[in-house]
Amino acid sequence: MEWEFVAPMIVSVVLILTVGGVVLLRPLARRLGALLDVMVLEKSKTPGVEDHGMADAIDTMNARLSLLEERQDFTERLIAGGDRARPDGGSSP
């Protein structure tokens, strides 16, 4: 065989395979892309584990902040009550 006949055959076979692959695989790729889009939308609509974890973290921080506020109020009342309890108003030794 001579290269004058082999080279055009190789080019034409590669061209036919490429066009055929694109024609056959493009609809499959589109459907796969649409399926992935639908899956992403469904996953974003339903609350995930991360959302529940974030809500739990916020609830925990809220409880700790409330406890801290109560302790601060108690300390302020204790300090204010300690000054009123001393008749001379001085500091302790």
PDB file of N, CA and C in Angstrom:
ATOM      1  N   MET A   1       0.841  -1.186   0.000  1.00  0.00           N
ATOM      2  CA  MET A   1       0.000   0.000   0.000  1.00  0.00           C
ATOM      3  C   MET A   1       0.876   1.235   0.000  1.00  0.00           C
ATOM      4  N   GLU A   2       0.367   2.211  -0.653  1.00  0.00           N
ATOM      5  CA  GLU A   2       1.103   3.462  -0.707  1.00  0.00           C
ATOM      6  C   GLU A   2       0.486   4.463   0.274  1.00  0.00           C
ATOM      7  N   TRP A   3       1.304   5.380   0.800  1.00  0.00           N
ATOM      8  CA  TRP A   3       0.860   6.376   1.775  1.00  0.00           C
ATOM      9  C   TRP A   3      -0.125   7.371   1.162  1.00  0.00           C
ATOM     10  N   GLU A   4      -0.137   7.476  -0.141  1.00  0.00           N
ATOM     11  CA  GLU A   4      -1.073   8.398  -0.789  1.00  0.00           C
ATOM     12  C   GLU A   4      -2.518   7.945  -0.588  1.00  0.00           C
ATOM     13  N   PHE A   5      -2.736   6.621  -0.435  1.00  0.00           N
ATOM     14  CA  PHE A   5      -4.079   6.098  -0.236  1.00  0.00           C
ATOM     15  C   PHE A   5      -4.398   5.868   1.247  1.00  0.00           C
ATOM     16  N   VAL A   6      -3.353   5.572   2.033  1.00  0.00           N
ATOM     17  CA  VAL A   6      -3.556   5.261   3.446  1.00  0.00           C
ATOM     18  C   VAL A   6      -3.886   6.521   4.257  1.00  0.00           C
ATOM     19  N   ALA A   7      -3.203   7.614   4.022  1.00  0.00           N
ATOM     20  CA  ALA A   7      -3.406   8.843   4.787  1.00  0.00           C
ATOM     21  C   ALA A   7      -4.830   9.367   4.648  1.00  0.00           C
ATOM     22  N   PRO A   8      -5.398   9.472   3.434  1.00  0.00           N
ATOM     23  CA  PRO A   8      -6.794   9.925   3.342  1.00  0.00           C
ATOM     24  C   PRO A   8      -7.777   8.964   3.994  1.00  0.00           C
ATOM     25  N   MET A   9      -7.484   7.660   3.955  1.00  0.00           N
ATOM     26  CA  MET A   9      -8.368   6.702   4.615  1.00  0.00           C
ATOM     27  C   MET A   9      -8.346   6.899   6.130  1.00  0.00           C
ATOM     28  N   ILE A  10      -7.165   7.095   6.693  1.00  0.00           N
ATOM     29  CA  ILE A  10      -7.052   7.307   8.139  1.00  0.00           C
ATOM     30  C   ILE A  10      -7.775   8.588   8.541  1.00  0.00           C
ATOM     31  N   VAL A  11      -7.592   9.652   7.781  1.00  0.00           N
ATOM     32  CA  VAL A  11      -8.252  10.926   8.083  1.00  0.00           C
ATOM     33  C   VAL A  11      -9.765  10.769   7.987  1.00  0.00           C
ATOM     34  N   SER A  12     -10.250  10.080   6.948  1.00  0.00           N
ATOM     35  CA  SER A  12     -11.696   9.928   6.793  1.00  0.00           C
ATOM     36  C   SER A  12     -12.279   9.045   7.896  1.00  0.00           C
ATOM     37  N   VAL A  13     -11.576   7.981   8.317  1.00  0.00           N
ATOM     38  CA  VAL A  13     -12.066   7.127   9.392  1.00  0.00           C
ATOM     39  C   VAL A  13     -12.123   7.906  10.702  1.00  0.00           C
ATOM     40  N   VAL A  14     -11.086   8.668  10.989  1.00  0.00           N
ATOM     41  CA  VAL A  14     -11.073   9.479  12.209  1.00  0.00           C
ATOM     42  C   VAL A  14     -12.195  10.506  12.175  1.00  0.00           C
ATOM     43  N   LEU A  15     -12.427  11.140  11.046  1.00  0.00           N
ATOM     44  CA  LEU A  15     -13.499  12.121  10.908  1.00  0.00           C
ATOM     45  C   LEU A  15     -14.868  11.467  11.105  1.00  0.00           C
ATOM     46  N   ILE A  16     -15.077  10.315  10.513  1.00  0.00           N
ATOM     47  CA  ILE A  16     -16.356   9.612  10.643  1.00  0.00           C
ATOM     48  C   ILE A  16     -16.574   9.189  12.099  1.00  0.00           C
ATOM     49  N   LEU A  17     -15.551   8.656  12.750  1.00  0.00           N
ATOM     50  CA  LEU A  17     -15.688   8.253  14.155  1.00  0.00           C
ATOM     51  C   LEU A  17     -15.961   9.449  15.061  1.00  0.00           C
ATOM     52  N   THR A  18     -15.322  10.572  14.793  1.00  0.00           N
ATOM     53  CA  THR A  18     -15.533  11.765  15.603  1.00  0.00           C
ATOM     54  C   THR A  18     -16.956  12.284  15.442  1.00  0.00           C
ATOM     55  N   VAL A  19     -17.410  12.404  14.205  1.00  0.00           N
ATOM     56  CA  VAL A  19     -18.764  12.892  13.957  1.00  0.00           C
ATOM     57  C   VAL A  19     -19.788  11.922  14.543  1.00  0.00           C
ATOM     58  N   GLY A  20     -19.574  10.632  14.345  1.00  0.00           N
ATOM     59  CA  GLY A  20     -20.487   9.639  14.903  1.00  0.00           C
ATOM     60  C   GLY A  20     -20.518   9.680  16.420  1.00  0.00           C
ATOM     61  N   GLY A  21     -19.367   9.841  17.047  1.00  0.00           N
ATOM     62  CA  GLY A  21     -19.313   9.940  18.504  1.00  0.00           C
ATOM     63  C   GLY A  21     -20.052  11.154  19.021  1.00  0.00           C
ATOM     64  N   VAL A  22     -19.876  12.271  18.339  1.00  0.00           N
ATOM     65  CA  VAL A  22     -20.573  13.486  18.763  1.00  0.00           C
ATOM     66  C   VAL A  22     -22.079  13.324  18.579  1.00  0.00           C
ATOM     67  N   VAL A  23     -22.491  12.773  17.455  1.00  0.00           N
ATOM     68  CA  VAL A  23     -23.918  12.606  17.176  1.00  0.00           C
ATOM     69  C   VAL A  23     -24.548  11.650  18.184  1.00  0.00           C
ATOM     70  N   LEU A  24     -23.845  10.590  18.539  1.00  0.00           N
ATOM     71  CA  LEU A  24     -24.407   9.611  19.470  1.00  0.00           C
ATOM     72  C   LEU A  24     -24.316  10.050  20.923  1.00  0.00           C
ATOM     73  N   LEU A  25     -23.244  10.680  21.299  1.00  0.00           N
ATOM     74  CA  LEU A  25     -23.027  10.983  22.711  1.00  0.00           C
ATOM     75  C   LEU A  25     -23.591  12.325  23.154  1.00  0.00           C
ATOM     76  N   ARG A  26     -23.854  13.240  22.240  1.00  0.00           N
ATOM     77  CA  ARG A  26     -24.356  14.547  22.647  1.00  0.00           C
ATOM     78  C   ARG A  26     -25.723  14.458  23.331  1.00  0.00           C
ATOM     79  N   PRO A  27     -26.700  13.718  22.806  1.00  0.00           N
ATOM     80  CA  PRO A  27     -27.982  13.614  23.531  1.00  0.00           C
ATOM     81  C   PRO A  27     -27.826  12.951  24.901  1.00  0.00           C
ATOM     82  N   LEU A  28     -26.948  11.974  24.987  1.00  0.00           N
ATOM     83  CA  LEU A  28     -26.719  11.339  26.288  1.00  0.00           C
ATOM     84  C   LEU A  28     -26.108  12.321  27.270  1.00  0.00           C
ATOM     85  N   ALA A  29     -25.181  13.118  26.810  1.00  0.00           N
ATOM     86  CA  ALA A  29     -24.549  14.111  27.688  1.00  0.00           C
ATOM     87  C   ALA A  29     -25.563  15.167  28.130  1.00  0.00           C
ATOM     88  N   ARG A  30     -26.454  15.560  27.232  1.00  0.00           N
ATOM     89  CA  ARG A  30     -27.485  16.545  27.610  1.00  0.00           C
ATOM     90  C   ARG A  30     -28.418  15.983  28.673  1.00  0.00           C
ATOM     91  N   ARG A  31     -28.848  14.735  28.478  1.00  0.00           N
ATOM     92  CA  ARG A  31     -29.745  14.132  29.474  1.00  0.00           C
ATOM     93  C   ARG A  31     -29.042  13.951  30.812  1.00  0.00           C
ATOM     94  N   LEU A  32     -27.793  13.565  30.771  1.00  0.00           N
ATOM     95  CA  LEU A  32     -27.033  13.423  32.011  1.00  0.00           C
ATOM     96  C   LEU A  32     -26.884  14.778  32.709  1.00  0.00           C
ATOM     97  N   GLY A  33     -26.640  15.833  31.940  1.00  0.00           N
ATOM     98  CA  GLY A  33     -26.552  17.176  32.517  1.00  0.00           C
ATOM     99  C   GLY A  33     -27.865  17.621  33.136  1.00  0.00           C
ATOM    100  N   ALA A  34     -28.970  17.329  32.446  1.00  0.00           N
ATOM    101  CA  ALA A  34     -30.287  17.689  32.991  1.00  0.00           C
ATOM    102  C   ALA A  34     -30.566  16.911  34.272  1.00  0.00           C
ATOM    103  N   LEU A  35     -30.208  15.632  34.280  1.00  0.00           N
ATOM    104  CA  LEU A  35     -30.404  14.823  35.482  1.00  0.00           C
ATOM    105  C   LEU A  35     -29.585  15.368  36.652  1.00  0.00           C
ATOM    106  N   LEU A  36     -28.356  15.746  36.387  1.00  0.00           N
ATOM    107  CA  LEU A  36     -27.521  16.312  37.449  1.00  0.00           C
ATOM    108  C   LEU A  36     -28.080  17.638  37.956  1.00  0.00           C
ATOM    109  N   ASP A  37     -28.611  18.457  37.047  1.00  0.00           N
ATOM    110  CA  ASP A  37     -29.229  19.723  37.470  1.00  0.00           C
ATOM    111  C   ASP A  37     -30.421  19.478  38.387  1.00  0.00           C
ATOM    112  N   VAL A  38     -31.256  18.506  38.032  1.00  0.00           N
ATOM    113  CA  VAL A  38     -32.422  18.183  38.849  1.00  0.00           C
ATOM    114  C   VAL A  38     -31.979  17.674  40.220  1.00  0.00           C
ATOM    115  N   MET A  39     -30.957  16.839  40.242  1.00  0.00           N
ATOM    116  CA  MET A  39     -30.469  16.315  41.526  1.00  0.00           C
ATOM    117  C   MET A  39     -29.932  17.432  42.404  1.00  0.00           C
ATOM    118  N   VAL A  40     -29.229  18.390  41.813  1.00  0.00           N
ATOM    119  CA  VAL A  40     -28.697  19.518  42.585  1.00  0.00           C
ATOM    120  C   VAL A  40     -29.829  20.370  43.128  1.00  0.00           C
ATOM    121  N   LEU A  41     -30.861  20.619  42.313  1.00  0.00           N
ATOM    122  CA  LEU A  41     -31.996  21.418  42.781  1.00  0.00           C
ATOM    123  C   LEU A  41     -32.740  20.724  43.912  1.00  0.00           C
ATOM    124  N   GLU A  42     -32.930  19.415  43.810  1.00  0.00           N
ATOM    125  CA  GLU A  42     -33.605  18.690  44.877  1.00  0.00           C
ATOM    126  C   GLU A  42     -32.794  18.707  46.160  1.00  0.00           C
ATOM    127  N   LYS A  43     -31.496  18.568  46.016  1.00  0.00           N
ATOM    128  CA  LYS A  43     -30.652  18.568  47.206  1.00  0.00           C
ATOM    129  C   LYS A  43     -30.632  19.938  47.866  1.00  0.00           C
ATOM    130  N   SER A  44     -30.685  21.001  47.078  1.00  0.00           N
ATOM    131  CA  SER A  44     -30.658  22.346  47.658  1.00  0.00           C
ATOM    132  C   SER A  44     -31.995  22.703  48.309  1.00  0.00           C
ATOM    133  N   LYS A  45     -33.088  22.086  47.866  1.00  0.00           N
ATOM    134  CA  LYS A  45     -34.398  22.381  48.452  1.00  0.00           C
ATOM    135  C   LYS A  45     -34.583  21.712  49.801  1.00  0.00           C
ATOM    136  N   THR A  46     -34.094  20.514  49.967  1.00  0.00           N
ATOM    137  CA  THR A  46     -34.263  19.794  51.226  1.00  0.00           C
ATOM    138  C   THR A  46     -33.178  20.213  52.199  1.00  0.00           C
ATOM    139  N   PRO A  47     -33.537  20.448  53.452  1.00  0.00           N
ATOM    140  CA  PRO A  47     -32.515  20.823  54.424  1.00  0.00           C
ATOM    141  C   PRO A  47     -31.576  19.650  54.664  1.00  0.00           C
ATOM    142  N   GLY A  48     -30.308  19.941  54.595  1.00  0.00           N
ATOM    143  CA  GLY A  48     -29.311  18.898  54.759  1.00  0.00           C
ATOM    144  C   GLY A  48     -28.839  18.778  56.185  1.00  0.00           C
ATOM    145  N   VAL A  49     -27.916  17.906  56.383  1.00  0.00           N
ATOM    146  CA  VAL A  49     -27.347  17.689  57.710  1.00  0.00           C
ATOM    147  C   VAL A  49     -26.622  18.947  58.175  1.00  0.00           C
ATOM    148  N   GLU A  50     -26.017  19.661  57.232  1.00  0.00           N
ATOM    149  CA  GLU A  50     -25.283  20.869  57.607  1.00  0.00           C
ATOM    150  C   GLU A  50     -26.220  21.923  58.180  1.00  0.00           C
ATOM    151  N   ASP A  51     -27.454  22.008  57.624  1.00  0.00           N
ATOM    152  CA  ASP A  51     -28.415  22.987  58.126  1.00  0.00           C
ATOM    153  C   ASP A  51     -28.820  22.666  59.561  1.00  0.00           C
ATOM    154  N   HIS A  52     -29.041  21.388  59.843  1.00  0.00           N
ATOM    155  CA  HIS A  52     -29.414  21.000  61.199  1.00  0.00           C
ATOM    156  C   HIS A  52     -28.244  21.228  62.153  1.00  0.00           C
ATOM    157  N   GLY A  53     -27.049  20.955  61.683  1.00  0.00           N
ATOM    158  CA  GLY A  53     -25.873  21.184  62.514  1.00  0.00           C
ATOM    159  C   GLY A  53     -25.695  22.655  62.838  1.00  0.00           C
ATOM    160  N   MET A  54     -25.955  23.507  61.858  1.00  0.00           N
ATOM    161  CA  MET A  54     -25.844  24.948  62.074  1.00  0.00           C
ATOM    162  C   MET A  54     -26.910  25.416  63.052  1.00  0.00           C
ATOM    163  N   ALA A  55     -28.125  24.908  62.937  1.00  0.00           N
ATOM    164  CA  ALA A  55     -29.198  25.292  63.866  1.00  0.00           C
ATOM    165  C   ALA A  55     -28.863  24.841  65.282  1.00  0.00           C
ATOM    166  N   ASP A  56     -28.305  23.637  65.418  1.00  0.00           N
ATOM    167  CA  ASP A  56     -27.905  23.162  66.745  1.00  0.00           C
ATOM    168  C   ASP A  56     -26.796  24.034  67.330  1.00  0.00           C
ATOM    169  N   ALA A  57     -25.851  24.436  66.494  1.00  0.00           N
ATOM    170  CA  ALA A  57     -24.764  25.289  66.972  1.00  0.00           C
ATOM    171  C   ALA A  57     -25.301  26.646  67.428  1.00  0.00           C
ATOM    172  N   ILE A  58     -26.247  27.201  66.697  1.00  0.00           N
ATOM    173  CA  ILE A  58     -26.831  28.490  67.073  1.00  0.00           C
ATOM    174  C   ILE A  58     -27.611  28.357  68.376  1.00  0.00           C
ATOM    175  N   ASP A  59     -28.358  27.259  68.531  1.00  0.00           N
ATOM    176  CA  ASP A  59     -29.091  27.042  69.783  1.00  0.00           C
ATOM    177  C   ASP A  59     -28.140  26.910  70.968  1.00  0.00           C
ATOM    178  N   THR A  60     -27.049  26.206  70.774  1.00  0.00           N
ATOM    179  CA  THR A  60     -26.064  26.046  71.846  1.00  0.00           C
ATOM    180  C   THR A  60     -25.438  27.387  72.214  1.00  0.00           C
ATOM    181  N   MET A  61     -25.097  28.176  71.193  1.00  0.00           N
ATOM    182  CA  MET A  61     -24.507  29.495  71.474  1.00  0.00           C
ATOM    183  C   MET A  61     -25.511  30.402  72.180  1.00  0.00           C
ATOM    184  N   ASN A  62     -26.785  30.302  71.804  1.00  0.00           N
ATOM    185  CA  ASN A  62     -27.814  31.108  72.455  1.00  0.00           C
ATOM    186  C   ASN A  62     -27.956  30.725  73.925  1.00  0.00           C
ATOM    187  N   ALA A  63     -27.921  29.428  74.204  1.00  0.00           N
ATOM    188  CA  ALA A  63     -28.023  28.980  75.596  1.00  0.00           C
ATOM    189  C   ALA A  63     -26.816  29.443  76.408  1.00  0.00           C
ATOM    190  N   ARG A  64     -25.641  29.349  75.824  1.00  0.00           N
ATOM    191  CA  ARG A  64     -24.440  29.788  76.546  1.00  0.00           C
ATOM    192  C   ARG A  64     -24.450  31.292  76.776  1.00  0.00           C
ATOM    193  N   LEU A  65     -24.944  32.048  75.786  1.00  0.00           N
ATOM    194  CA  LEU A  65     -25.025  33.496  75.944  1.00  0.00           C
ATOM    195  C   LEU A  65     -26.023  33.866  77.039  1.00  0.00           C
ATOM    196  N   SER A  66     -27.145  33.166  77.095  1.00  0.00           N
ATOM    197  CA  SER A  66     -28.130  33.429  78.156  1.00  0.00           C
ATOM    198  C   SER A  66     -27.536  33.139  79.531  1.00  0.00           C
ATOM    199  N   LEU A  67     -26.808  32.038  79.643  1.00  0.00           N
ATOM    200  CA  LEU A  67     -26.156  31.698  80.902  1.00  0.00           C
ATOM    201  C   LEU A  67     -25.121  32.754  81.290  1.00  0.00           C
ATOM    202  N   LEU A  68     -24.380  33.225  80.317  1.00  0.00           N
ATOM    203  CA  LEU A  68     -23.384  34.268  80.579  1.00  0.00           C
ATOM    204  C   LEU A  68     -24.054  35.565  81.039  1.00  0.00           C
ATOM    205  N   GLU A  69     -25.186  35.911  80.425  1.00  0.00           N
ATOM    206  CA  GLU A  69     -25.913  37.112  80.844  1.00  0.00           C
ATOM    207  C   GLU A  69     -26.415  36.971  82.275  1.00  0.00           C
ATOM    208  N   GLU A  70     -26.923  35.803  82.621  1.00  0.00           N
ATOM    209  CA  GLU A  70     -27.392  35.582  83.984  1.00  0.00           C
ATOM    210  C   GLU A  70     -26.244  35.705  84.983  1.00  0.00           C
ATOM    211  N   ARG A  71     -25.105  35.145  84.635  1.00  0.00           N
ATOM    212  CA  ARG A  71     -23.954  35.242  85.545  1.00  0.00           C
ATOM    213  C   ARG A  71     -23.483  36.680  85.699  1.00  0.00           C
ATOM    214  N   GLN A  72     -23.498  37.428  84.601  1.00  0.00           N
ATOM    215  CA  GLN A  72     -23.072  38.821  84.674  1.00  0.00           C
ATOM    216  C   GLN A  72     -24.046  39.632  85.531  1.00  0.00           C
ATOM    217  N   ASP A  73     -25.344  39.400  85.344  1.00  0.00           N
ATOM    218  CA  ASP A  73     -26.342  40.108  86.164  1.00  0.00           C
ATOM    219  C   ASP A  73     -26.162  39.761  87.640  1.00  0.00           C
ATOM    220  N   PHE A  74     -25.927  38.496  87.935  1.00  0.00           N
ATOM    221  CA  PHE A  74     -25.720  38.078  89.316  1.00  0.00           C
ATOM    222  C   PHE A  74     -24.484  38.752  89.905  1.00  0.00           C
ATOM    223  N   THR A  75     -23.405  38.781  89.116  1.00  0.00           N
ATOM    224  CA  THR A  75     -22.170  39.409  89.602  1.00  0.00           C
ATOM    225  C   THR A  75     -22.382  40.902  89.837  1.00  0.00           C
ATOM    226  N   GLU A  76     -23.072  41.574  88.929  1.00  0.00           N
ATOM    227  CA  GLU A  76     -23.326  43.003  89.108  1.00  0.00           C
ATOM    228  C   GLU A  76     -24.197  43.256  90.340  1.00  0.00           C
ATOM    229  N   ARG A  77     -25.212  42.420  90.558  1.00  0.00           N
ATOM    230  CA  ARG A  77     -26.044  42.579  91.750  1.00  0.00           C
ATOM    231  C   ARG A  77     -25.247  42.295  93.018  1.00  0.00           C
ATOM    232  N   LEU A  78     -24.351  41.317  92.958  1.00  0.00           N
ATOM    233  CA  LEU A  78     -23.528  40.976  94.114  1.00  0.00           C
ATOM    234  C   LEU A  78     -22.573  42.126  94.451  1.00  0.00           C
ATOM    235  N   ILE A  79     -21.973  42.699  93.428  1.00  0.00           N
ATOM    236  CA  ILE A  79     -21.060  43.827  93.655  1.00  0.00           C
ATOM    237  C   ILE A  79     -21.826  45.041  94.175  1.00  0.00           C
ATOM    238  N   ALA A  80     -22.959  45.333  93.570  1.00  0.00           N
ATOM    239  CA  ALA A  80     -23.759  46.476  94.014  1.00  0.00           C
ATOM    240  C   ALA A  80     -24.313  46.229  95.409  1.00  0.00           C
ATOM    241  N   GLY A  81     -24.695  45.024  95.721  1.00  0.00           N
ATOM    242  CA  GLY A  81     -25.210  44.690  97.048  1.00  0.00           C
ATOM    243  C   GLY A  81     -24.109  44.720  98.097  1.00  0.00           C
ATOM    244  N   GLY A  82     -22.896  44.377  97.747  1.00  0.00           N
ATOM    245  CA  GLY A  82     -21.780  44.396  98.682  1.00  0.00           C
ATOM    246  C   GLY A  82     -21.424  45.799  99.106  1.00  0.00           C
ATOM    247  N   ASP A  83     -21.527  46.779  98.213  1.00  0.00           N
ATOM    248  CA  ASP A  83     -21.247  48.170  98.559  1.00  0.00           C
ATOM    249  C   ASP A  83     -22.342  48.730  99.459  1.00  0.00           C
ATOM    250  N   ARG A  84     -23.573  48.338  99.246  1.00  0.00           N
ATOM    251  CA  ARG A  84     -24.660  48.849 100.081  1.00  0.00           C
ATOM    252  C   ARG A  84     -24.653  48.200 101.456  1.00  0.00           C
ATOM    253  N   ALA A  85     -24.143  46.969 101.547  1.00  0.00           N
ATOM    254  CA  ALA A  85     -24.162  46.264 102.833  1.00  0.00           C
ATOM    255  C   ALA A  85     -23.152  46.842 103.812  1.00  0.00           C
ATOM    256  N   ARG A  86     -22.079  47.464 103.345  1.00  0.00           N
ATOM    257  CA  ARG A  86     -21.064  48.036 104.241  1.00  0.00           C
ATOM    258  C   ARG A  86     -21.509  49.427 104.677  1.00  0.00           C
ATOM    259  N   PRO A  87     -21.615  49.656 105.984  1.00  0.00           N
ATOM    260  CA  PRO A  87     -22.073  50.970 106.452  1.00  0.00           C
ATOM    261  C   PRO A  87     -21.047  52.065 106.205  1.00  0.00           C
ATOM    262  N   ASP A  88     -19.748  51.756 106.254  1.00  0.00           N
ATOM    263  CA  ASP A  88     -18.749  52.809 106.078  1.00  0.00           C
ATOM    264  C   ASP A  88     -18.454  53.050 104.594  1.00  0.00           C
ATOM    265  N   GLY A  89     -18.893  52.136 103.703  1.00  0.00           N
ATOM    266  CA  GLY A  89     -18.694  52.310 102.268  1.00  0.00           C
ATOM    267  C   GLY A  89     -17.271  52.079 101.838  1.00  0.00           C
ATOM    268  N   GLY A  90     -16.412  51.595 102.752  1.00  0.00           N
ATOM    269  CA  GLY A  90     -15.015  51.373 102.406  1.00  0.00           C
ATOM    270  C   GLY A  90     -14.790  50.019 101.783  1.00  0.00           C
ATOM    271  N   SER A  91     -13.551  49.776 101.480  1.00  0.00           N
ATOM    272  CA  SER A  91     -13.213  48.506 100.869  1.00  0.00           C
ATOM    273  C   SER A  91     -12.805  47.519 101.953  1.00  0.00           C
ATOM    274  N   SER A  92     -12.862  46.273 101.628  1.00  0.00           N
ATOM    275  CA  SER A  92     -12.502  45.254 102.615  1.00  0.00           C
ATOM    276  C   SER A  92     -10.995  45.156 102.739  1.00  0.00           C
ATOM    277  N   PRO A  93     -10.493  44.699 103.901  1.00  0.00           N
ATOM    278  CA  PRO A  93      -9.035  44.655 104.117  1.00  0.00           C
ATOM    279  C   PRO A  93      -8.366  43.570 103.341  1.00  0.00           C
TER     280      PRO A  93
END
